[in-house]
Amino acid sequence: QFLVANKLDTAMWISRLFTIYCSALFVLPLLGLHEAASFYQRALLANALTSALRLHQRLPHFQISRAFLAQALLEDSCHYLLYSLIFVNSYPVTMSIFPVLLFSLLHAATYTKKVLDARSSNSLPFLRNLLEKLNANQQNILKFIACNEIFLMPATVFMLFSGQGSLLQPFIYYRFLTLRYSSRRNPYCRTLFTELRIVVEHLIMKPSCPVFVRRLCLSGISFISRLAPTVA
């Protein structure tokens, strides 16, 4: 009754479980490398479906207007719909599947707990314990996802020069990264950029650091800072 009463949430729960399944079979290619590539695409397509359903839930009244598009781009679900479209037809990159896998795992765990609560307050204690441990590590998982989002930017550039990516991919991914940086719901991308800057500045200011490395890093920090969008 709980699942039927919450059809849209249940559909997203199923699609997230399917995303986890496909992502796991890509990361651990138990059925062979050829099949792993197809599971990579399936995971991203399932994530695109989940993101589209979530975006519909957040903005139920679709409109073809600039105002609606601007509002949609503020939603994290729209960001990951774009993310899935960026990588779904590209060369499989293991790093790109982790944000999809981990977000699906976190959201599926939250809804699974609701399903268990609807069934019985004491049902499946072992599974409940696993879900509690996952929830306890949520902050570390979100930081790991943000780290993946950041380091995928140079990865897309490397893929372009190695012949495994398209010319547009780095530019579209840069747009995705600016959306994540400006996210209202998830500040971890901004936090990671700040933490990485602090760590790099601390290392290059040591007397043992060569001058040319220090200048190169400071120029890189200045360039990246200029590319960062303004956050309200």
Protein backbone atom coordinates (compact mmCIF):
# COMPACT_ATOMS: atom_id res chain seq x y z
CA GLN A 1 0.00 0.00 0.00
CA PHE A 2 2.87 2.37 0.82
CA LEU A 3 4.54 1.69 -2.55
CA VAL A 4 1.29 2.12 -4.49
CA ALA A 5 0.44 5.33 -2.63
CA ASN A 6 3.83 6.82 -3.60
CA LYS A 7 4.09 5.74 -7.23
CA LEU A 8 6.62 8.35 -8.38
CA ASP A 9 8.93 7.82 -5.39
CA THR A 10 8.65 4.05 -5.88
CA ALA A 11 9.52 4.37 -9.58
CA MET A 12 12.62 6.41 -8.66
CA TRP A 13 13.54 3.84 -5.99
CA ILE A 14 13.38 1.01 -8.55
CA SER A 15 15.38 2.97 -11.13
CA ARG A 16 18.02 3.78 -8.49
CA LEU A 17 18.30 0.11 -7.51
CA PHE A 18 18.73 -0.73 -11.21
CA THR A 19 21.41 1.99 -11.48
CA ILE A 20 23.26 0.45 -8.51
CA TYR A 21 23.03 -3.01 -10.10
CA CYS A 22 24.35 -1.85 -13.49
CA SER A 23 27.08 0.34 -11.95
CA ALA A 24 28.29 -2.55 -9.80
CA LEU A 25 28.52 -4.84 -12.85
CA PHE A 26 30.52 -2.17 -14.69
CA VAL A 27 32.96 -1.56 -11.83
CA LEU A 28 33.25 -5.32 -11.19
CA PRO A 29 33.05 -6.84 -14.72
CA LEU A 30 31.94 -10.30 -13.62
CA LEU A 31 30.21 -10.93 -16.97
CA GLY A 32 33.15 -9.79 -19.13
CA LEU A 33 34.54 -6.48 -20.39
CA HIS A 34 32.20 -6.28 -23.39
CA GLU A 35 29.13 -6.61 -21.17
CA ALA A 36 30.62 -4.11 -18.70
CA ALA A 37 30.49 -1.36 -21.35
CA SER A 38 26.78 -1.99 -21.92
CA PHE A 39 26.13 -1.87 -18.16
CA TYR A 40 27.90 1.50 -18.11
CA GLN A 41 25.38 2.89 -20.59
CA ARG A 42 22.44 1.28 -18.80
CA ALA A 43 23.52 2.80 -15.49
CA LEU A 44 23.69 6.29 -17.00
CA LEU A 45 20.36 5.87 -18.81
CA ALA A 46 18.71 4.66 -15.59
CA ASN A 47 20.21 7.66 -13.77
CA ALA A 48 18.88 9.97 -16.50
CA LEU A 49 15.40 8.47 -15.98
CA THR A 50 15.65 8.95 -12.21
CA SER A 51 16.82 12.55 -12.66
CA ALA A 52 13.99 13.29 -15.10
CA LEU A 53 11.40 11.85 -12.69
CA ARG A 54 12.87 13.83 -9.80
CA LEU A 55 12.89 17.01 -11.89
CA HIS A 56 9.25 16.40 -12.79
CA GLN A 57 8.50 15.97 -9.08
CA ARG A 58 10.23 19.26 -8.25
CA LEU A 59 8.81 21.17 -11.24
CA PRO A 60 5.58 19.41 -12.26
CA HIS A 61 4.36 22.07 -14.71
CA PHE A 62 6.64 21.96 -17.75
CA GLN A 63 6.89 25.16 -19.78
CA ILE A 64 8.93 26.19 -22.80
CA SER A 65 10.29 29.44 -21.43
CA ARG A 66 13.56 30.98 -20.30
CA ALA A 67 12.24 31.37 -16.74
CA PHE A 68 11.39 27.66 -16.49
CA LEU A 69 14.81 26.67 -17.87
CA ALA A 70 16.55 28.97 -15.37
CA GLN A 71 14.53 27.42 -12.55
CA ALA A 72 15.26 23.88 -13.78
CA LEU A 73 19.01 24.57 -13.88
CA LEU A 74 18.90 25.32 -10.15
CA GLU A 75 17.82 21.75 -9.43
CA ASP A 76 20.41 19.05 -8.71
CA SER A 77 18.28 16.53 -10.62
CA CYS A 78 18.69 18.67 -13.76
CA HIS A 79 22.45 18.73 -13.22
CA TYR A 80 22.64 14.94 -13.16
CA LEU A 81 20.29 14.59 -16.11
CA LEU A 82 22.85 16.68 -18.02
CA TYR A 83 25.68 14.61 -16.50
CA SER A 84 24.16 11.36 -17.77
CA LEU A 85 23.71 12.79 -21.25
CA ILE A 86 27.35 13.96 -21.31
CA PHE A 87 28.81 10.53 -20.60
CA VAL A 88 26.22 8.04 -21.89
CA ASN A 89 27.74 7.83 -25.39
CA SER A 90 31.35 8.47 -24.42
CA TYR A 91 34.20 6.07 -23.84
CA PRO A 92 33.48 4.31 -20.48
CA VAL A 93 35.29 6.08 -17.64
CA THR A 94 35.22 4.39 -14.24
CA MET A 95 35.54 7.73 -12.43
CA SER A 96 32.34 9.00 -14.08
CA ILE A 97 30.20 6.14 -12.75
CA PHE A 98 30.98 6.70 -9.04
CA PRO A 99 28.81 9.84 -8.56
CA VAL A 100 25.89 8.05 -10.23
CA LEU A 101 26.41 4.90 -8.14
CA LEU A 102 26.86 6.70 -4.81
CA PHE A 103 23.97 9.16 -5.23
CA SER A 104 21.69 6.26 -6.17
CA LEU A 105 22.93 4.32 -3.14
CA LEU A 106 22.25 7.19 -0.73
CA HIS A 107 18.78 7.99 -2.07
CA ALA A 108 17.79 4.33 -2.38
CA ALA A 109 18.91 3.72 1.20
CA THR A 110 16.74 6.59 2.45
CA TYR A 111 13.65 5.27 0.66
CA THR A 112 14.38 1.67 1.65
CA LYS A 113 14.28 2.76 5.29
CA LYS A 114 10.86 4.32 4.68
CA VAL A 115 9.67 1.07 3.10
CA LEU A 116 10.92 -0.92 6.10
CA ASP A 117 9.23 1.51 8.50
CA ALA A 118 5.96 1.14 6.60
CA ARG A 119 6.24 -2.63 6.87
CA SER A 120 7.25 -2.85 10.53
CA SER A 121 9.36 -0.84 12.95
CA ASN A 122 11.55 -3.89 13.71
CA SER A 123 11.71 -5.57 10.29
CA LEU A 124 15.04 -6.76 8.87
CA PRO A 125 17.37 -5.42 11.62
CA PHE A 126 20.51 -6.45 9.69
CA LEU A 127 19.50 -4.35 6.67
CA ARG A 128 18.53 -1.46 8.97
CA ASN A 129 21.99 -1.59 10.54
CA LEU A 130 23.65 -1.38 7.11
CA LEU A 131 21.45 1.58 6.17
CA GLU A 132 22.33 3.37 9.42
CA LYS A 133 26.06 2.89 8.76
CA LEU A 134 25.62 4.24 5.24
CA ASN A 135 23.75 7.25 6.57
CA ALA A 136 26.47 7.86 9.19
CA ASN A 137 29.05 8.14 6.38
CA GLN A 138 26.89 10.35 4.16
CA GLN A 139 29.09 13.44 4.52
CA ASN A 140 32.24 11.55 3.50
CA ILE A 141 30.41 10.00 0.54
CA LEU A 142 29.18 13.41 -0.65
CA LYS A 143 32.72 14.79 -0.40
CA PHE A 144 34.01 11.85 -2.43
CA ILE A 145 31.34 12.53 -5.08
CA ALA A 146 32.34 16.22 -5.21
CA CYS A 147 35.99 15.19 -5.61
CA ASN A 148 35.01 12.98 -8.57
CA GLU A 149 33.04 15.86 -10.11
CA ILE A 150 36.08 18.16 -9.90
CA PHE A 151 38.72 15.75 -11.22
CA LEU A 152 36.51 14.66 -14.11
CA MET A 153 37.12 18.11 -15.64
CA PRO A 154 40.82 17.49 -16.42
CA ALA A 155 39.88 13.89 -17.28
CA THR A 156 37.56 15.08 -20.09
CA VAL A 157 40.41 17.22 -21.47
CA PHE A 158 42.77 14.24 -21.33
CA MET A 159 40.16 12.09 -23.10
CA LEU A 160 39.92 14.70 -25.86
CA PHE A 161 43.68 14.66 -26.53
CA SER A 162 43.83 10.86 -26.29
CA GLY A 163 41.10 10.52 -28.94
CA GLN A 164 38.52 9.02 -26.56
CA GLY A 165 36.35 12.11 -26.11
CA SER A 166 34.55 14.68 -28.25
CA LEU A 167 35.50 18.32 -28.73
CA LEU A 168 32.31 19.55 -27.04
CA GLN A 169 32.54 17.29 -23.99
CA PRO A 170 34.97 19.45 -21.91
CA PHE A 171 32.92 22.59 -22.59
CA ILE A 172 29.60 20.94 -21.69
CA TYR A 173 31.17 19.35 -18.61
CA TYR A 174 32.53 22.75 -17.55
CA ARG A 175 28.95 24.02 -17.64
CA PHE A 176 27.87 21.07 -15.48
CA LEU A 177 30.66 21.81 -13.00
CA THR A 178 29.62 25.47 -12.69
CA LEU A 179 26.08 24.30 -11.93
CA ARG A 180 27.38 21.96 -9.22
CA TYR A 181 29.55 24.75 -7.80
CA SER A 182 26.48 27.01 -7.56
CA SER A 183 24.17 24.30 -6.18
CA ARG A 184 21.85 25.49 -3.42
CA ARG A 185 21.21 22.01 -1.98
CA ASN A 186 24.69 20.52 -2.21
CA PRO A 187 27.60 22.80 -1.19
CA TYR A 188 30.22 20.05 -1.25
CA CYS A 189 31.66 20.98 -4.66
CA ARG A 190 32.39 24.54 -3.44
CA THR A 191 33.75 23.14 -0.16
CA LEU A 192 36.13 20.76 -1.98
CA PHE A 193 37.40 23.51 -4.27
CA THR A 194 38.19 25.63 -1.20
CA GLU A 195 39.85 22.75 0.66
CA LEU A 196 41.95 21.80 -2.38
CA ARG A 197 43.06 25.42 -2.79
CA ILE A 198 44.09 25.61 0.89
CA VAL A 199 46.06 22.34 0.64
CA VAL A 200 47.87 23.38 -2.56
CA GLU A 201 48.71 26.85 -1.20
CA HIS A 202 50.05 25.29 2.00
CA LEU A 203 52.32 22.93 0.03
CA ILE A 204 53.70 25.47 -2.43
CA MET A 205 54.52 28.00 0.28
CA LYS A 206 57.00 25.60 1.88
CA PRO A 207 60.67 26.64 1.38
CA SER A 208 61.42 23.27 -0.26
CA CYS A 209 58.96 23.96 -3.10
CA PRO A 210 60.74 25.10 -6.34
CA VAL A 211 59.92 28.65 -7.40
CA PHE A 212 58.70 27.67 -10.88
CA VAL A 213 56.28 25.11 -9.35
CA ARG A 214 54.97 27.76 -6.95
CA ARG A 215 54.41 30.24 -9.77
CA LEU A 216 52.76 27.59 -11.94
CA CYS A 217 50.38 26.57 -9.14
CA LEU A 218 49.52 30.17 -8.25
CA SER A 219 48.77 30.90 -11.92
CA GLY A 220 46.56 27.78 -12.04
CA ILE A 221 44.69 28.83 -8.87
CA SER A 222 44.17 32.34 -10.26
CA PHE A 223 42.88 30.95 -13.59
CA ILE A 224 40.45 28.53 -11.91
CA SER A 225 39.23 31.28 -9.54
CA ARG A 226 38.39 33.49 -12.52
CA LEU A 227 36.36 30.66 -14.08
CA ALA A 228 34.34 30.09 -10.90
CA PRO A 229 30.76 31.41 -11.10
CA THR A 230 29.44 33.97 -8.65
CA VAL A 231 27.36 32.34 -5.92
CA ALA A 232 24.54 34.35 -4.36
